[in-house]
C-alpha atoms as a PDB file:
ATOM      1  CA  MET A   1      94.004  99.868  83.083  1.00  0.00           C
ATOM      2  CA  ARG A   2      94.615  97.218  80.496  1.00  0.00           C
ATOM      3  CA  LYS A   3      97.537  95.037  79.462  1.00  0.00           C
ATOM      4  CA  ARG A   4      98.805  97.793  77.234  1.00  0.00           C
ATOM      5  CA  ASP A   5      99.317 100.004  80.317  1.00  0.00           C
ATOM      6  CA  TRP A   6     102.218  97.875  81.548  1.00  0.00           C
ATOM      7  CA  PRO A   7     104.750  99.530  79.206  1.00  0.00           C
ATOM      8  CA  THR A   8     103.611 102.916  80.544  1.00  0.00           C
ATOM      9  CA  ALA A   9     104.013 101.721  84.140  1.00  0.00           C
ATOM     10  CA  VAL A  10     107.470 100.338  83.392  1.00  0.00           C
ATOM     11  CA  GLY A  11     108.386 103.662  81.787  1.00  0.00           C
ATOM     12  CA  ARG A  12     107.297 105.526  84.917  1.00  0.00           C
ATOM     13  CA  LEU A  13     109.371 103.174  87.047  1.00  0.00           C
ATOM     14  CA  ARG A  14     112.368 103.668  84.769  1.00  0.00           C
ATOM     15  CA  GLU A  15     111.995 107.457  85.190  1.00  0.00           C
ATOM     16  CA  ARG A  16     112.129 107.047  88.975  1.00  0.00           C
ATOM     17  CA  GLY A  17     115.285 105.009  88.622  1.00  0.00           C
ATOM     18  CA  THR A  18     116.893 107.595  86.390  1.00  0.00           C
ATOM     19  CA  ALA A  19     116.099 110.323  88.924  1.00  0.00           C
ATOM     20  CA  ALA A  20     117.566 108.224  91.751  1.00  0.00           C
ATOM     21  CA  TRP A  21     120.800 107.526  89.854  1.00  0.00           C
ATOM     22  CA  ARG A  22     121.160 111.213  88.877  1.00  0.00           C
ATOM     23  CA  ALA A  23     120.697 112.286  92.499  1.00  0.00           C
ATOM     24  CA  ASP A  24     123.382 109.820  93.578  1.00  0.00           C
ATOM     25  CA  ALA A  25     125.772 111.136  90.915  1.00  0.00           C
ATOM     26  CA  ARG A  26     125.235 114.657  92.256  1.00  0.00           C
ATOM     27  CA  VAL A  27     125.976 113.442  95.800  1.00  0.00           C
ATOM     28  CA  GLN A  28     129.230 111.843  94.614  1.00  0.00           C
ATOM     29  CA  GLN A  29     130.191 115.070  92.859  1.00  0.00           C
ATOM     30  CA  LEU A  30     129.497 117.107  96.006  1.00  0.00           C
ATOM     31  CA  ARG A  31     131.538 114.689  98.138  1.00  0.00           C
ATOM     32  CA  ALA A  32     134.504 115.189  95.814  1.00  0.00           C
ATOM     33  CA  GLU A  33     134.053 118.970  95.961  1.00  0.00           C
ATOM     34  CA  LEU A  34     133.886 118.868  99.765  1.00  0.00           C
ATOM     35  CA  ALA A  35     137.085 116.827  99.961  1.00  0.00           C
ATOM     36  CA  ALA A  36     138.884 119.420  97.833  1.00  0.00           C
ATOM     37  CA  ALA A  37     137.282 122.523  99.383  1.00  0.00           C
ATOM     38  CA  GLU A  38     139.148 125.134 101.396  1.00  0.00           C
ATOM     39  CA  GLU A  39     138.076 125.799 104.964  1.00  0.00           C
ATOM     40  CA  PRO A  40     135.929 128.939 104.471  1.00  0.00           C
ATOM     41  CA  GLY A  41     133.430 127.175 102.207  1.00  0.00           C
ATOM     42  CA  ARG A  42     133.460 123.707 103.758  1.00  0.00           C
ATOM     43  CA  ARG A  43     130.609 124.228 106.199  1.00  0.00           C
ATOM     44  CA  ARG A  44     128.183 125.512 103.579  1.00  0.00           C
ATOM     45  CA  LEU A  45     129.206 122.758 101.159  1.00  0.00           C
ATOM     46  CA  ALA A  46     128.668 120.153 103.910  1.00  0.00           C
ATOM     47  CA  GLU A  47     125.123 121.484 104.410  1.00  0.00           C
ATOM     48  CA  VAL A  48     124.444 121.320 100.681  1.00  0.00           C
ATOM     49  CA  LEU A  49     125.827 117.767 100.601  1.00  0.00           C
ATOM     50  CA  ALA A  50     123.599 116.697 103.517  1.00  0.00           C
ATOM     51  CA  ALA A  51     120.546 118.111 101.718  1.00  0.00           C
ATOM     52  CA  HIS A  52     121.422 116.319  98.485  1.00  0.00           C
ATOM     53  CA  GLU A  53     122.054 113.063 100.356  1.00  0.00           C
ATOM     54  CA  ALA A  54     118.593 113.335 101.907  1.00  0.00           C
ATOM     55  CA  VAL A  55     116.959 113.963  98.537  1.00  0.00           C
ATOM     56  CA  SER A  56     118.896 111.033  97.068  1.00  0.00           C
ATOM     57  CA  LYS A  57     117.755 108.723  99.884  1.00  0.00           C
ATOM     58  CA  ALA A  58     114.140 109.831  99.456  1.00  0.00           C
ATOM     59  CA  LEU A  59     114.336 109.090  95.718  1.00  0.00           C
ATOM     60  CA  ASP A  60     115.949 105.705  96.371  1.00  0.00           C
ATOM     61  CA  VAL A  61     113.185 104.712  98.790  1.00  0.00           C
ATOM     62  CA  ALA A  62     110.521 105.849  96.317  1.00  0.00           C
ATOM     63  CA  TYR A  63     112.197 103.805  93.565  1.00  0.00           C
ATOM     64  CA  LEU A  64     112.460 100.700  95.735  1.00  0.00           C
ATOM     65  CA  ARG A  65     108.853 101.013  96.904  1.00  0.00           C
ATOM     66  CA  ALA A  66     107.553 101.488  93.361  1.00  0.00           C
ATOM     67  CA  ALA A  67     109.650  98.583  92.016  1.00  0.00           C
ATOM     68  CA  SER A  68     108.411  96.240  94.744  1.00  0.00           C
ATOM     69  CA  LEU A  69     104.797  97.327  94.272  1.00  0.00           C
ATOM     70  CA  LEU A  70     104.885  97.015  90.497  1.00  0.00           C
ATOM     71  CA  LEU A  71     106.591  93.619  90.641  1.00  0.00           C
ATOM     72  CA  ASP A  72     104.000  92.394  93.144  1.00  0.00           C
ATOM     73  CA  HIS A  73     101.144  93.579  90.919  1.00  0.00           C
ATOM     74  CA  PHE A  74     102.676  91.903  87.894  1.00  0.00           C
ATOM     75  CA  GLN A  75     103.368  88.615  89.691  1.00  0.00           C
ATOM     76  CA  THR A  76      99.803  88.396  90.989  1.00  0.00           C
ATOM     77  CA  GLY A  77      98.242  89.205  87.615  1.00  0.00           C
ATOM     78  CA  GLN A  78      96.938  92.605  88.657  1.00  0.00           C
ATOM     79  CA  TRP A  79      96.925  95.708  86.528  1.00  0.00           C
ATOM     80  CA  PRO A  80      99.480  98.404  87.239  1.00  0.00           C
ATOM     81  CA  PRO A  81      98.523 100.413  90.328  1.00  0.00           C
ATOM     82  CA  LEU A  82      96.567 103.611  89.826  1.00  0.00           C
ATOM     83  CA  ARG A  83      98.329 105.232  92.774  1.00  0.00           C
ATOM     84  CA  TRP A  84     102.066 104.953  93.093  1.00  0.00           C
ATOM     85  CA  PRO A  85     104.012 105.325  96.320  1.00  0.00           C
ATOM     86  CA  ARG A  86     105.019 108.911  96.820  1.00  0.00           C
ATOM     87  CA  GLY A  87     108.490 109.761  97.887  1.00  0.00           C
ATOM     88  CA  MET A  88     109.209 111.961 100.848  1.00  0.00           C
ATOM     89  CA  ARG A  89     109.168 115.427  99.447  1.00  0.00           C
ATOM     90  CA  PRO A  90     110.773 118.418 101.026  1.00  0.00           C
ATOM     91  CA  PRO A  91     108.218 120.971 102.228  1.00  0.00           C
ATOM     92  CA  GLY A  92     107.862 123.719  99.685  1.00  0.00           C
ATOM     93  CA  GLY A  93     110.273 121.893  97.389  1.00  0.00           C
ATOM     94  CA  ARG A  94     113.295 122.925  99.484  1.00  0.00           C
ATOM     95  CA  PRO A  95     115.199 120.473 101.689  1.00  0.00           C
ATOM     96  CA  LEU A  96     115.074 122.422 104.950  1.00  0.00           C
ATOM     97  CA  PRO A  97     117.421 121.315 107.764  1.00  0.00           C
ATOM     98  CA  SER A  98     114.604 119.700 109.781  1.00  0.00           C
ATOM     99  CA  TRP A  99     113.496 117.658 106.760  1.00  0.00           C
ATOM    100  CA  VAL A 100     117.099 116.632 106.046  1.00  0.00           C
ATOM    101  CA  ARG A 101     117.558 115.463 109.660  1.00  0.00           C
ATOM    102  CA  SER A 102     114.318 113.475 109.516  1.00  0.00           C
ATOM    103  CA  VAL A 103     115.384 111.670 106.326  1.00  0.00           C
ATOM    104  CA  HIS A 104     118.829 110.851 107.690  1.00  0.00           C
ATOM    105  CA  ALA A 105     117.279 109.606 110.942  1.00  0.00           C
ATOM    106  CA  ARG A 106     115.127 107.144 108.987  1.00  0.00           C
ATOM    107  CA  ASP A 107     117.831 105.300 107.067  1.00  0.00           C
ATOM    108  CA  ALA A 108     116.368 102.012 108.221  1.00  0.00           C
ATOM    109  CA  ARG A 109     113.020 102.588 106.549  1.00  0.00           C
ATOM    110  CA  ILE A 110     114.373 101.261 103.266  1.00  0.00           C
ATOM    111  CA  TRP A 111     114.297  97.744 104.747  1.00  0.00           C
ATOM    112  CA  ARG A 112     110.512  97.867 105.061  1.00  0.00           C
ATOM    113  CA  TYR A 113     110.157  97.873 101.305  1.00  0.00           C
ATOM    114  CA  LEU A 114     112.174  94.787 100.499  1.00  0.00           C
ATOM    115  CA  PRO A 115     110.087  92.241  98.628  1.00  0.00           C
ATOM    116  CA  VAL A 116     108.941  89.204 100.568  1.00  0.00           C
ATOM    117  CA  THR A 117     108.916  86.877  97.586  1.00  0.00           C
ATOM    118  CA  VAL A 118     110.852  87.388  94.413  1.00  0.00           C
ATOM    119  CA  PRO A 119     110.555  85.529  91.121  1.00  0.00           C
ATOM    120  CA  GLY A 120     113.568  83.339  90.536  1.00  0.00           C
ATOM    121  CA  ASP A 121     114.277  83.040  94.252  1.00  0.00           C
ATOM    122  CA  ASP A 122     115.210  79.404  93.696  1.00  0.00           C
ATOM    123  CA  GLY A 123     118.736  80.663  93.035  1.00  0.00           C
ATOM    124  CA  ALA A 124     119.310  79.482  89.483  1.00  0.00           C
ATOM    125  CA  GLY A 125     119.237  81.209  86.127  1.00  0.00           C
ATOM    126  CA  GLY A 126     117.741  79.619  83.070  1.00  0.00           C
ATOM    127  CA  ALA A 127     118.136  79.060  79.391  1.00  0.00           C
ATOM    128  CA  ASP A 128     115.950  81.967  78.288  1.00  0.00           C
ATOM    129  CA  ASP A 129     115.962  85.734  78.853  1.00  0.00           C
ATOM    130  CA  HIS A 130     112.960  85.604  81.163  1.00  0.00           C
ATOM    131  CA  ALA A 131     114.597  83.102  83.539  1.00  0.00           C
ATOM    132  CA  ASN A 132     117.852  85.059  83.552  1.00  0.00           C
ATOM    133  CA  LEU A 133     116.028  88.320  84.314  1.00  0.00           C
ATOM    134  CA  ARG A 134     114.094  86.645  87.129  1.00  0.00           C
ATOM    135  CA  TYR A 135     117.367  85.375  88.538  1.00  0.00           C
ATOM    136  CA  ALA A 136     118.908  88.866  88.317  1.00  0.00           C
ATOM    137  CA  VAL A 137     115.988  90.295  90.335  1.00  0.00           C
ATOM    138  CA  ALA A 138     116.318  87.529  92.933  1.00  0.00           C
ATOM    139  CA  ARG A 139     120.082  88.028  93.183  1.00  0.00           C
ATOM    140  CA  ALA A 140     119.663  91.793  93.633  1.00  0.00           C
ATOM    141  CA  ALA A 141     117.035  91.205  96.334  1.00  0.00           C
ATOM    142  CA  ARG A 142     119.278  88.715  98.172  1.00  0.00           C
ATOM    143  CA  THR A 143     122.208  91.152  98.054  1.00  0.00           C
ATOM    144  CA  LEU A 144     120.020  93.911  99.434  1.00  0.00           C
ATOM    145  CA  ARG A 145     118.715  91.616 102.198  1.00  0.00           C
ATOM    146  CA  ALA A 146     122.310  90.719 103.100  1.00  0.00           C
ATOM    147  CA  SER A 147     123.024  94.445 103.400  1.00  0.00           C
ATOM    148  CA  GLU A 148     120.189  94.687 105.909  1.00  0.00           C
ATOM    149  CA  LEU A 149     121.830  92.148 108.168  1.00  0.00           C
ATOM    150  CA  ALA A 150     125.193  93.933 108.039  1.00  0.00           C
ATOM    151  CA  HIS A 151     123.458  97.275 108.690  1.00  0.00           C
ATOM    152  CA  ARG A 152     121.690  95.916 111.802  1.00  0.00           C
ATOM    153  CA  LEU A 153     124.902  94.552 113.269  1.00  0.00           C
ATOM    154  CA  GLY A 154     126.237  98.102 113.411  1.00  0.00           C
ATOM    155  CA  PRO A 155     129.767  99.523 113.399  1.00  0.00           C
ATOM    156  CA  GLY A 156     132.338 100.091 116.079  1.00  0.00           C
ATOM    157  CA  GLU A 157     133.565 103.570 116.950  1.00  0.00           C
ATOM    158  CA  ASP A 158     136.580 103.284 114.666  1.00  0.00           C
ATOM    159  CA  GLN A 159     134.488 102.319 111.645  1.00  0.00           C
ATOM    160  CA  ARG A 160     132.387 105.426 111.003  1.00  0.00           C
ATOM    161  CA  GLU A 161     133.986 106.169 107.623  1.00  0.00           C
ATOM    162  CA  GLN A 162     133.522 102.549 106.586  1.00  0.00           C
ATOM    163  CA  THR A 163     129.906 102.667 107.740  1.00  0.00           C
ATOM    164  CA  ARG A 164     129.208 105.695 105.559  1.00  0.00           C
ATOM    165  CA  ASP A 165     130.669 103.864 102.566  1.00  0.00           C
ATOM    166  CA  ASP A 166     128.688 100.724 103.433  1.00  0.00           C
ATOM    167  CA  LEU A 167     125.449 102.702 103.636  1.00  0.00           C
ATOM    168  CA  ALA A 168     126.179 104.295 100.266  1.00  0.00           C
ATOM    169  CA  ALA A 169     126.597 100.767  98.891  1.00  0.00           C
ATOM    170  CA  VAL A 170     123.208  99.797 100.371  1.00  0.00           C
ATOM    171  CA  TRP A 171     121.478 102.630  98.531  1.00  0.00           C
ATOM    172  CA  GLN A 172     123.286 101.597  95.354  1.00  0.00           C
ATOM    173  CA  ARG A 173     122.059  98.017  95.832  1.00  0.00           C
ATOM    174  CA  ALA A 174     118.513  99.326  96.254  1.00  0.00           C
ATOM    175  CA  ARG A 175     118.799 101.114  92.915  1.00  0.00           C
ATOM    176  CA  ALA A 176     120.303  97.970  91.338  1.00  0.00           C
ATOM    177  CA  TYR A 177     117.291  95.980  92.556  1.00  0.00           C
ATOM    178  CA  GLY A 178     114.969  98.558  90.989  1.00  0.00           C
ATOM    179  CA  ASP A 179     116.918  98.382  87.736  1.00  0.00           C
ATOM    180  CA  ALA A 180     116.647  94.573  87.702  1.00  0.00           C
ATOM    181  CA  VAL A 181     112.886  94.839  88.236  1.00  0.00           C
ATOM    182  CA  VAL A 182     112.643  97.355  85.378  1.00  0.00           C
ATOM    183  CA  ALA A 183     114.488  94.979  83.052  1.00  0.00           C
ATOM    184  CA  LEU A 184     112.289  92.033  84.019  1.00  0.00           C
ATOM    185  CA  LEU A 185     109.029  93.957  83.754  1.00  0.00           C
ATOM    186  CA  ALA A 186     110.033  95.592  80.472  1.00  0.00           C
ATOM    187  CA  HIS A 187     110.729  92.139  79.032  1.00  0.00           C
ATOM    188  CA  ASP A 188     107.553  90.571  80.415  1.00  0.00           C
ATOM    189  CA  ALA A 189     105.338  93.555  79.586  1.00  0.00           C
ATOM    190  CA  GLN A 190     106.562  93.422  75.997  1.00  0.00           C
ATOM    191  CA  LEU A 191     105.617  89.739  75.809  1.00  0.00           C
ATOM    192  CA  LEU A 192     102.271  90.426  77.506  1.00  0.00           C
ATOM    193  CA  THR A 193     101.253  93.206  75.135  1.00  0.00           C
ATOM    194  CA  ALA A 194     102.483  91.299  72.069  1.00  0.00           C
ATOM    195  CA  GLY A 195     100.346  88.286  72.920  1.00  0.00           C
END
């Protein structure tokens, strides 16, 4: 791969982000439908929602992993990776109940893919677009790391609903981190290929 392949890599990352955000929108739609559903159809709708939540989580993890990998390659002056992290895929393309349970049981695996070092981690923006984008990535990473701490502390019995909302916010922060990486890499890749 050459310098000109960075825009292609950024485009692939952007596609993963789009898929993750679309999956989350579908989950939100299903949650609203479940809240308004009558009793006879609630159980089936809850199963469909659980399957869509699992697919959404798998896409979020794949997006976070790819964003971290691509950012690491760019920071270290490497070419884009030939092999991208693969997301957990349902067997046969269908989210079977056992696969859904396994995804939900591994909520914590998202924390493994947080970046160790992030450009702009000094905590200050700058006067140019590049510095501001680096700061946005660092801020998104810090917010996601803070979510990890809150997640590990765990909820009390009376906070299950709040915990579900907090976890949804964590997945949203993971997508926001990926989006910040896309913006930074798109900017830097454009400068790299122009030069």
